[in-house]
C-alpha atoms as a PDB file:
ATOM      1  CA  UNK A   1      -4.240   7.374  30.534  1.00  0.00           C
ATOM      2  CA  UNK A   2      -4.831   8.279  26.819  1.00  0.00           C
ATOM      3  CA  UNK A   3      -4.376   5.853  24.061  1.00  0.00           C
ATOM      4  CA  UNK A   4      -0.915   5.700  22.313  1.00  0.00           C
ATOM      5  CA  UNK A   5      -0.747   8.486  19.793  1.00  0.00           C
ATOM      6  CA  UNK A   6      -0.236   5.786  16.809  1.00  0.00           C
ATOM      7  CA  UNK A   7      -2.923   3.397  18.231  1.00  0.00           C
ATOM      8  CA  UNK A   8      -5.567   1.960  15.686  1.00  0.00           C
ATOM      9  CA  UNK A   9      -7.825   0.705  18.087  1.00  0.00           C
ATOM     10  CA  UNK A  10     -11.328   0.668  16.672  1.00  0.00           C
ATOM     11  CA  UNK A  11     -10.083   1.079  13.279  1.00  0.00           C
ATOM     12  CA  UNK A  12     -11.138  -1.396  10.222  1.00  0.00           C
ATOM     13  CA  UNK A  13      -8.239  -1.572   8.001  1.00  0.00           C
ATOM     14  CA  UNK A  14      -7.964  -2.977   4.234  1.00  0.00           C
ATOM     15  CA  UNK A  15      -4.984  -3.970   2.668  1.00  0.00           C
ATOM     16  CA  UNK A  16      -4.367  -5.111  -1.018  1.00  0.00           C
ATOM     17  CA  UNK A  17      -1.409  -7.052  -1.737  1.00  0.00           C
ATOM     18  CA  UNK A  18      -1.123  -8.584   1.615  1.00  0.00           C
ATOM     19  CA  UNK A  19       0.155 -12.255   0.832  1.00  0.00           C
ATOM     20  CA  UNK A  20       3.695 -11.122   0.960  1.00  0.00           C
ATOM     21  CA  UNK A  21       6.568  -8.203   1.359  1.00  0.00           C
ATOM     22  CA  UNK A  22       5.114  -4.962   2.189  1.00  0.00           C
ATOM     23  CA  UNK A  23       1.501  -5.742   2.613  1.00  0.00           C
ATOM     24  CA  UNK A  24       1.919  -8.660   4.898  1.00  0.00           C
ATOM     25  CA  UNK A  25       4.274  -6.464   6.998  1.00  0.00           C
ATOM     26  CA  UNK A  26       1.609  -3.528   6.946  1.00  0.00           C
ATOM     27  CA  UNK A  27      -1.113  -6.092   7.938  1.00  0.00           C
ATOM     28  CA  UNK A  28       0.778  -7.563  11.077  1.00  0.00           C
ATOM     29  CA  UNK A  29       1.820  -3.935  11.996  1.00  0.00           C
ATOM     30  CA  UNK A  30      -1.758  -2.649  11.829  1.00  0.00           C
ATOM     31  CA  UNK A  31      -2.951  -5.598  13.795  1.00  0.00           C
ATOM     32  CA  UNK A  32      -0.361  -5.135  16.529  1.00  0.00           C
ATOM     33  CA  UNK A  33      -1.591  -1.388  16.899  1.00  0.00           C
ATOM     34  CA  UNK A  34      -5.365  -2.456  17.561  1.00  0.00           C
ATOM     35  CA  UNK A  35      -7.232  -2.483  14.099  1.00  0.00           C
ATOM     36  CA  UNK A  36      -9.163  -5.234  12.716  1.00  0.00           C
ATOM     37  CA  UNK A  37      -7.480  -6.109   9.535  1.00  0.00           C
ATOM     38  CA  UNK A  38      -8.980  -7.301   6.221  1.00  0.00           C
ATOM     39  CA  UNK A  39      -6.196  -8.909   3.971  1.00  0.00           C
ATOM     40  CA  UNK A  40      -6.603  -9.277   0.268  1.00  0.00           C
ATOM     41  CA  UNK A  41      -4.589 -10.799  -2.311  1.00  0.00           C
ATOM     42  CA  UNK A  42      -4.967 -13.387  -5.399  1.00  0.00           C
ATOM     43  CA  UNK A  43      -2.794 -15.997  -3.372  1.00  0.00           C
ATOM     44  CA  UNK A  44      -5.676 -17.267  -1.168  1.00  0.00           C
ATOM     45  CA  UNK A  45      -3.271 -19.895   0.667  1.00  0.00           C
ATOM     46  CA  UNK A  46      -0.877 -17.318   1.914  1.00  0.00           C
ATOM     47  CA  UNK A  47      -3.496 -14.970   3.337  1.00  0.00           C
ATOM     48  CA  UNK A  48      -5.256 -17.400   4.930  1.00  0.00           C
ATOM     49  CA  UNK A  49      -1.942 -18.191   6.728  1.00  0.00           C
ATOM     50  CA  UNK A  50      -1.407 -15.029   7.402  1.00  0.00           C
ATOM     51  CA  UNK A  51      -4.809 -14.244   8.809  1.00  0.00           C
ATOM     52  CA  UNK A  52      -4.150 -17.363  11.063  1.00  0.00           C
ATOM     53  CA  UNK A  53      -0.607 -16.201  12.013  1.00  0.00           C
ATOM     54  CA  UNK A  54      -2.514 -12.883  13.310  1.00  0.00           C
ATOM     55  CA  UNK A  55      -5.154 -14.142  15.168  1.00  0.00           C
ATOM     56  CA  UNK A  56      -3.090 -16.550  16.964  1.00  0.00           C
ATOM     57  CA  UNK A  57      -1.126 -13.523  18.097  1.00  0.00           C
ATOM     58  CA  UNK A  58      -4.503 -11.958  19.523  1.00  0.00           C
ATOM     59  CA  UNK A  59      -5.235  -9.927  16.428  1.00  0.00           C
ATOM     60  CA  UNK A  60      -8.392  -9.776  14.204  1.00  0.00           C
ATOM     61  CA  UNK A  61      -8.028 -10.591  10.673  1.00  0.00           C
ATOM     62  CA  UNK A  62     -10.252 -11.519   7.768  1.00  0.00           C
ATOM     63  CA  UNK A  63      -8.294 -13.114   4.495  1.00  0.00           C
ATOM     64  CA  UNK A  64     -10.539 -12.277   1.199  1.00  0.00           C
ATOM     65  CA  UNK A  65      -9.488 -13.445  -1.908  1.00  0.00           C
ATOM     66  CA  UNK A  66      -8.961 -10.131  -4.037  1.00  0.00           C
ATOM     67  CA  UNK A  67      -7.877  -9.245  -7.502  1.00  0.00           C
ATOM     68  CA  UNK A  68      -7.318  -5.418  -7.999  1.00  0.00           C
ATOM     69  CA  UNK A  69      -7.567  -5.539 -11.432  1.00  0.00           C
ATOM     70  CA  UNK A  70     -11.299  -6.509 -11.220  1.00  0.00           C
ATOM     71  CA  UNK A  71     -13.846  -4.153  -9.736  1.00  0.00           C
ATOM     72  CA  UNK A  72     -16.249  -6.780  -8.956  1.00  0.00           C
ATOM     73  CA  UNK A  73     -13.724  -8.655  -6.688  1.00  0.00           C
ATOM     74  CA  UNK A  74     -12.845  -5.234  -5.024  1.00  0.00           C
ATOM     75  CA  UNK A  75     -16.370  -4.669  -4.323  1.00  0.00           C
ATOM     76  CA  UNK A  76     -16.813  -8.135  -2.820  1.00  0.00           C
ATOM     77  CA  UNK A  77     -13.670  -7.787  -0.694  1.00  0.00           C
ATOM     78  CA  UNK A  78     -15.171  -4.575   0.919  1.00  0.00           C
ATOM     79  CA  UNK A  79     -18.652  -6.259   1.155  1.00  0.00           C
ATOM     80  CA  UNK A  80     -16.959  -9.095   3.417  1.00  0.00           C
ATOM     81  CA  UNK A  81     -14.772  -6.598   5.332  1.00  0.00           C
ATOM     82  CA  UNK A  82     -18.109  -4.702   6.412  1.00  0.00           C
ATOM     83  CA  UNK A  83     -20.060  -7.931   6.979  1.00  0.00           C
ATOM     84  CA  UNK A  84     -17.032  -9.077   9.454  1.00  0.00           C
ATOM     85  CA  UNK A  85     -15.964  -5.692  11.012  1.00  0.00           C
ATOM     86  CA  UNK A  86     -17.604  -2.724   9.692  1.00  0.00           C
ATOM     87  CA  UNK A  87     -16.826  -0.471   6.953  1.00  0.00           C
ATOM     88  CA  UNK A  88     -13.064   0.006   6.584  1.00  0.00           C
ATOM     89  CA  UNK A  89     -11.790   3.517   7.565  1.00  0.00           C
ATOM     90  CA  UNK A  90      -8.400   2.760   6.805  1.00  0.00           C
ATOM     91  CA  UNK A  91      -7.155   1.525   3.198  1.00  0.00           C
ATOM     92  CA  UNK A  92      -4.004   0.685   2.079  1.00  0.00           C
ATOM     93  CA  UNK A  93      -3.786   0.313  -1.745  1.00  0.00           C
ATOM     94  CA  UNK A  94      -0.437  -1.593  -2.071  1.00  0.00           C
ATOM     95  CA  UNK A  95      -0.853  -4.431  -4.596  1.00  0.00           C
ATOM     96  CA  UNK A  96       1.850  -4.125  -7.405  1.00  0.00           C
ATOM     97  CA  UNK A  97       3.848  -5.867  -9.898  1.00  0.00           C
ATOM     98  CA  UNK A  98       6.743  -5.230 -11.975  1.00  0.00           C
ATOM     99  CA  UNK A  99       7.852  -5.863 -15.634  1.00  0.00           C
ATOM    100  CA  UNK A 100      11.634  -5.097 -16.463  1.00  0.00           C
ATOM    101  CA  UNK A 101      12.552  -4.167 -19.950  1.00  0.00           C
ATOM    102  CA  UNK A 102      13.621  -1.098 -21.943  1.00  0.00           C
ATOM    103  CA  UNK A 103      10.822   0.846 -23.596  1.00  0.00           C
ATOM    104  CA  UNK A 104      11.520  -0.486 -27.263  1.00  0.00           C
ATOM    105  CA  UNK A 105      11.422  -3.888 -26.451  1.00  0.00           C
ATOM    106  CA  UNK A 106       9.016  -3.985 -23.682  1.00  0.00           C
ATOM    107  CA  UNK A 107       5.633  -6.049 -24.875  1.00  0.00           C
ATOM    108  CA  UNK A 108       2.525  -3.809 -25.014  1.00  0.00           C
ATOM    109  CA  UNK A 109       0.594  -6.807 -22.960  1.00  0.00           C
ATOM    110  CA  UNK A 110       3.352  -6.332 -20.379  1.00  0.00           C
ATOM    111  CA  UNK A 111       2.943  -2.213 -20.018  1.00  0.00           C
ATOM    112  CA  UNK A 112      -0.791  -3.105 -19.780  1.00  0.00           C
ATOM    113  CA  UNK A 113      -0.429  -5.468 -16.864  1.00  0.00           C
ATOM    114  CA  UNK A 114       1.727  -3.141 -14.871  1.00  0.00           C
ATOM    115  CA  UNK A 115      -0.546  -0.053 -15.106  1.00  0.00           C
ATOM    116  CA  UNK A 116      -3.516  -2.323 -14.642  1.00  0.00           C
ATOM    117  CA  UNK A 117      -2.666  -3.441 -11.384  1.00  0.00           C
ATOM    118  CA  UNK A 118      -0.417  -0.566 -10.076  1.00  0.00           C
ATOM    119  CA  UNK A 119      -2.310   2.246 -11.571  1.00  0.00           C
ATOM    120  CA  UNK A 120      -5.736   1.266 -12.483  1.00  0.00           C
ATOM    121  CA  UNK A 121      -5.795  -1.111  -9.230  1.00  0.00           C
ATOM    122  CA  UNK A 122      -4.784   1.784  -6.794  1.00  0.00           C
ATOM    123  CA  UNK A 123      -7.868   3.744  -8.432  1.00  0.00           C
ATOM    124  CA  UNK A 124     -10.285   1.467  -7.996  1.00  0.00           C
ATOM    125  CA  UNK A 125      -9.367   0.397  -4.729  1.00  0.00           C
ATOM    126  CA  UNK A 126      -9.069   3.953  -3.063  1.00  0.00           C
ATOM    127  CA  UNK A 127     -12.374   4.717  -5.001  1.00  0.00           C
ATOM    128  CA  UNK A 128     -14.309   1.952  -3.609  1.00  0.00           C
ATOM    129  CA  UNK A 129     -13.019   2.583   0.008  1.00  0.00           C
ATOM    130  CA  UNK A 130     -13.986   6.553  -0.242  1.00  0.00           C
ATOM    131  CA  UNK A 131     -17.365   5.464  -1.062  1.00  0.00           C
ATOM    132  CA  UNK A 132     -17.595   3.079   1.572  1.00  0.00           C
ATOM    133  CA  UNK A 133     -16.373   5.852   4.274  1.00  0.00           C
ATOM    134  CA  UNK A 134     -18.647   8.511   2.778  1.00  0.00           C
ATOM    135  CA  UNK A 135     -21.721   6.020   3.002  1.00  0.00           C
ATOM    136  CA  UNK A 136     -20.545   4.958   6.660  1.00  0.00           C
ATOM    137  CA  UNK A 137     -20.750   8.335   8.670  1.00  0.00           C
ATOM    138  CA  UNK A 138     -21.091  12.023   8.590  1.00  0.00           C
ATOM    139  CA  UNK A 139     -18.289  14.369   7.208  1.00  0.00           C
ATOM    140  CA  UNK A 140     -17.827  15.620  11.044  1.00  0.00           C
ATOM    141  CA  UNK A 141     -17.268  12.470  12.387  1.00  0.00           C
ATOM    142  CA  UNK A 142     -15.421  10.820   9.799  1.00  0.00           C
ATOM    143  CA  UNK A 143     -11.818  10.142  10.194  1.00  0.00           C
ATOM    144  CA  UNK A 144     -10.937   8.253   6.650  1.00  0.00           C
ATOM    145  CA  UNK A 145      -7.393   7.472   6.036  1.00  0.00           C
ATOM    146  CA  UNK A 146      -6.276   6.299   2.462  1.00  0.00           C
ATOM    147  CA  UNK A 147      -2.386   5.159   1.931  1.00  0.00           C
ATOM    148  CA  UNK A 148      -0.891   4.568  -1.439  1.00  0.00           C
ATOM    149  CA  UNK A 149       2.099   2.425  -1.856  1.00  0.00           C
ATOM    150  CA  UNK A 150       4.228   4.580  -4.427  1.00  0.00           C
ATOM    151  CA  UNK A 151       7.993   4.208  -4.891  1.00  0.00           C
ATOM    152  CA  UNK A 152      11.134   6.044  -5.302  1.00  0.00           C
ATOM    153  CA  UNK A 153      11.292   5.091  -8.962  1.00  0.00           C
ATOM    154  CA  UNK A 154       8.555   7.732  -9.391  1.00  0.00           C
ATOM    155  CA  UNK A 155      11.138  10.140  -9.212  1.00  0.00           C
ATOM    156  CA  UNK A 156      13.892   8.490 -10.866  1.00  0.00           C
ATOM    157  CA  UNK A 157      15.034   6.861 -14.143  1.00  0.00           C
ATOM    158  CA  UNK A 158      16.544   3.725 -14.879  1.00  0.00           C
ATOM    159  CA  UNK A 159      17.027   1.083 -17.440  1.00  0.00           C
ATOM    160  CA  UNK A 160      14.005  -1.143 -17.914  1.00  0.00           C
ATOM    161  CA  UNK A 161      12.052   0.682 -15.324  1.00  0.00           C
ATOM    162  CA  UNK A 162       9.673   2.592 -17.900  1.00  0.00           C
ATOM    163  CA  UNK A 163       6.566   0.463 -17.031  1.00  0.00           C
ATOM    164  CA  UNK A 164       6.961   0.360 -13.406  1.00  0.00           C
ATOM    165  CA  UNK A 165       8.287   3.729 -12.577  1.00  0.00           C
ATOM    166  CA  UNK A 166       5.589   5.671 -14.793  1.00  0.00           C
ATOM    167  CA  UNK A 167       2.803   3.700 -13.136  1.00  0.00           C
ATOM    168  CA  UNK A 168       4.152   4.730  -9.615  1.00  0.00           C
ATOM    169  CA  UNK A 169       4.487   8.199 -10.653  1.00  0.00           C
ATOM    170  CA  UNK A 170       1.037   8.410 -11.550  1.00  0.00           C
ATOM    171  CA  UNK A 171       0.204   6.756  -8.139  1.00  0.00           C
ATOM    172  CA  UNK A 172       2.112   9.921  -6.486  1.00  0.00           C
ATOM    173  CA  UNK A 173      -0.327  12.239  -8.370  1.00  0.00           C
ATOM    174  CA  UNK A 174      -3.341  10.394  -8.127  1.00  0.00           C
ATOM    175  CA  UNK A 175      -3.039  10.542  -4.421  1.00  0.00           C
ATOM    176  CA  UNK A 176      -2.908  14.514  -4.679  1.00  0.00           C
ATOM    177  CA  UNK A 177      -5.903  14.405  -6.430  1.00  0.00           C
ATOM    178  CA  UNK A 178      -7.951  12.089  -4.077  1.00  0.00           C
ATOM    179  CA  UNK A 179      -6.720  14.173  -1.161  1.00  0.00           C
ATOM    180  CA  UNK A 180      -8.001  17.529  -2.808  1.00  0.00           C
ATOM    181  CA  UNK A 181     -11.433  15.741  -4.246  1.00  0.00           C
ATOM    182  CA  UNK A 182     -11.849  14.177  -0.597  1.00  0.00           C
ATOM    183  CA  UNK A 183     -10.409  16.702   1.938  1.00  0.00           C
ATOM    184  CA  UNK A 184     -13.766  18.122   2.853  1.00  0.00           C
ATOM    185  CA  UNK A 185     -15.258  14.854   3.384  1.00  0.00           C
ATOM    186  CA  UNK A 186     -13.031  13.837   6.108  1.00  0.00           C
ATOM    187  CA  UNK A 187     -10.547  11.457   4.119  1.00  0.00           C
ATOM    188  CA  UNK A 188      -6.946  11.886   4.158  1.00  0.00           C
ATOM    189  CA  UNK A 189      -4.954  10.407   1.373  1.00  0.00           C
ATOM    190  CA  UNK A 190      -1.102   9.841   1.692  1.00  0.00           C
ATOM    191  CA  UNK A 191       1.401   8.081  -0.318  1.00  0.00           C
ATOM    192  CA  UNK A 192       4.586   6.299   1.185  1.00  0.00           C
ATOM    193  CA  UNK A 193       7.386   5.898  -1.281  1.00  0.00           C
ATOM    194  CA  UNK A 194       9.817   3.053  -0.344  1.00  0.00           C
ATOM    195  CA  UNK A 195      13.224   2.802  -1.425  1.00  0.00           C
ATOM    196  CA  UNK A 196      14.864  -0.573  -2.476  1.00  0.00           C
ATOM    197  CA  UNK A 197      13.883  -3.011  -0.127  1.00  0.00           C
ATOM    198  CA  UNK A 198      14.233  -6.990  -0.695  1.00  0.00           C
ATOM    199  CA  UNK A 199      10.931  -8.613  -1.787  1.00  0.00           C
ATOM    200  CA  UNK A 200       9.882 -11.374  -4.281  1.00  0.00           C
ATOM    201  CA  UNK A 201       9.643  -8.834  -6.839  1.00  0.00           C
ATOM    202  CA  UNK A 202      13.450  -7.862  -6.648  1.00  0.00           C
ATOM    203  CA  UNK A 203      15.233 -10.485  -4.420  1.00  0.00           C
ATOM    204  CA  UNK A 204      16.940 -12.071  -7.188  1.00  0.00           C
ATOM    205  CA  UNK A 205      18.306  -9.061  -8.836  1.00  0.00           C
ATOM    206  CA  UNK A 206      20.192  -7.933  -5.698  1.00  0.00           C
ATOM    207  CA  UNK A 207      22.018 -11.427  -5.201  1.00  0.00           C
ATOM    208  CA  UNK A 208      23.242 -10.867  -8.919  1.00  0.00           C
ATOM    209  CA  UNK A 209      26.231  -8.837  -9.697  1.00  0.00           C
ATOM    210  CA  UNK A 210      24.483  -6.062 -11.344  1.00  0.00           C
ATOM    211  CA  UNK A 211      22.307  -5.823  -8.228  1.00  0.00           C
ATOM    212  CA  UNK A 212      25.339  -5.480  -5.883  1.00  0.00           C
ATOM    213  CA  UNK A 213      26.709  -2.908  -8.289  1.00  0.00           C
ATOM    214  CA  UNK A 214      23.755  -0.915  -7.147  1.00  0.00           C
ATOM    215  CA  UNK A 215      23.683  -1.080  -4.075  1.00  0.00           C
ATOM    216  CA  UNK A 216      27.225  -0.124  -3.981  1.00  0.00           C
ATOM    217  CA  UNK A 217      26.414   3.052  -5.586  1.00  0.00           C
ATOM    218  CA  UNK A 218      23.896   4.370  -3.044  1.00  0.00           C
ATOM    219  CA  UNK A 219      25.397   6.831  -0.322  1.00  0.00           C
ATOM    220  CA  UNK A 220      25.050   4.228   2.277  1.00  0.00           C
ATOM    221  CA  UNK A 221      25.662   1.070   0.121  1.00  0.00           C
ATOM    222  CA  UNK A 222      22.467  -0.715   1.607  1.00  0.00           C
ATOM    223  CA  UNK A 223      19.186  -1.810   0.867  1.00  0.00           C
ATOM    224  CA  UNK A 224      16.422  -0.190   2.777  1.00  0.00           C
ATOM    225  CA  UNK A 225      14.918  -2.072   6.229  1.00  0.00           C
ATOM    226  CA  UNK A 226      11.444  -2.853   5.611  1.00  0.00           C
ATOM    227  CA  UNK A 227      10.864  -1.849   9.309  1.00  0.00           C
ATOM    228  CA  UNK A 228      11.864   1.837   8.436  1.00  0.00           C
ATOM    229  CA  UNK A 229       8.354   1.780   7.042  1.00  0.00           C
ATOM    230  CA  UNK A 230       6.440   1.046  10.463  1.00  0.00           C
ATOM    231  CA  UNK A 231       6.168   4.770  11.687  1.00  0.00           C
ATOM    232  CA  UNK A 232       5.245   6.448   8.552  1.00  0.00           C
ATOM    233  CA  UNK A 233       2.556   3.927   7.850  1.00  0.00           C
ATOM    234  CA  UNK A 234       0.969   4.173  11.345  1.00  0.00           C
ATOM    235  CA  UNK A 235       1.378   8.019  11.174  1.00  0.00           C
ATOM    236  CA  UNK A 236      -0.627   8.182   8.344  1.00  0.00           C
ATOM    237  CA  UNK A 237      -3.316   5.483   9.518  1.00  0.00           C
ATOM    238  CA  UNK A 238      -3.684   6.925  12.727  1.00  0.00           C
ATOM    239  CA  UNK A 239      -5.196  10.052  14.145  1.00  0.00           C
ATOM    240  CA  UNK A 240      -1.929  11.608  14.503  1.00  0.00           C
ATOM    241  CA  UNK A 241      -2.075  12.695  10.711  1.00  0.00           C
ATOM    242  CA  UNK A 242      -5.093  14.734  11.309  1.00  0.00           C
ATOM    243  CA  UNK A 243      -3.526  17.596   9.243  1.00  0.00           C
ATOM    244  CA  UNK A 244      -1.741  15.800   6.757  1.00  0.00           C
ATOM    245  CA  UNK A 245      -3.136  14.922   3.501  1.00  0.00           C
ATOM    246  CA  UNK A 246      -1.970  15.133   0.025  1.00  0.00           C
ATOM    247  CA  UNK A 247       1.365  14.366   0.814  1.00  0.00           C
ATOM    248  CA  UNK A 248       4.243  11.657   0.001  1.00  0.00           C
ATOM    249  CA  UNK A 249       7.047  10.557   2.253  1.00  0.00           C
ATOM    250  CA  UNK A 250      10.034   8.942   1.026  1.00  0.00           C
ATOM    251  CA  UNK A 251      11.992   6.033   2.961  1.00  0.00           C
ATOM    252  CA  UNK A 252      14.583   5.076   1.244  1.00  0.00           C
ATOM    253  CA  UNK A 253      17.846   5.625   3.281  1.00  0.00           C
ATOM    254  CA  UNK A 254      19.038   8.272   0.657  1.00  0.00           C
ATOM    255  CA  UNK A 255      18.981   5.571  -2.191  1.00  0.00           C
ATOM    256  CA  UNK A 256      17.536   8.500  -4.445  1.00  0.00           C
ATOM    257  CA  UNK A 257      20.084  11.151  -3.783  1.00  0.00           C
END
C-alpha cells in the first residue's frame, strides 16, 4: 500500500520559534506524520520539554538552542540537526515577535527588533536551509520544502500594526523571490498566512474589551482554531505539493474579508 499522501516518513524537519504557539503545534504535527523533528528557540527549557513529549509519543525530536537573529546560532542549529538526523529537507521559518504601537510613537529599537526577527531571521533561516539542501544531493533527487510563516496582517492595515504587518508583508514577497531563485534546484518555497489565533503574543488582547470588539467585527465572530493550519502545513511539507511553489495560503476563517 502506498504511504499516505501527507506522510513525512524519511523527512527531517527543522522548525524555528518552536517553544510555543504555532511552532510547537507544527513540531507535534510533523513528528506524528513521521518526520524527525529539530525544534529551535531561545527558551531552552520549553523546547527540551516539548522534545521529551514528542519522543514519549514515539516520535524523534532534537531540541536546539537557537536565536534567528544570530547567523552563528542558526548555522550551529543546522549542524546539530545534520549530526543527529541528516540535513533537513523541510525547514519552517516560523519565529516571530510583535511590537504594537502607532508609527509616530514606536521607538526605532522596537522596529529594528521586529524586522530583525520576523524578516531577517526568516531570510537567514531559509538561506541556510537552502544551502544545506543544495549540498545534500543532486537537484534531480532533491525534494526540499521551505515554509514561511506569514500573517493576514501582511495584506491589511490596522492601528498599531505597522512594524509587525510590514515585516510579514516582506516575508510574503521574500517567499516568492526564494521560490523563483530555487525552483530549478528542487526546492519549493511557500508561505502560510494564519489569521488571528490565540497565542502568547496576543492572548491578553483578545480577553480585553477592544479584543472582543475586534472579534465581533469579523464575519464569523471567532478566532481561527490553530488546528486549521494542520492540513496546509502538511501539504506544503509533503510530496503532495510537488507542483506548488511561490504561493501563499490564507487560513483566517474570513477575518480579512
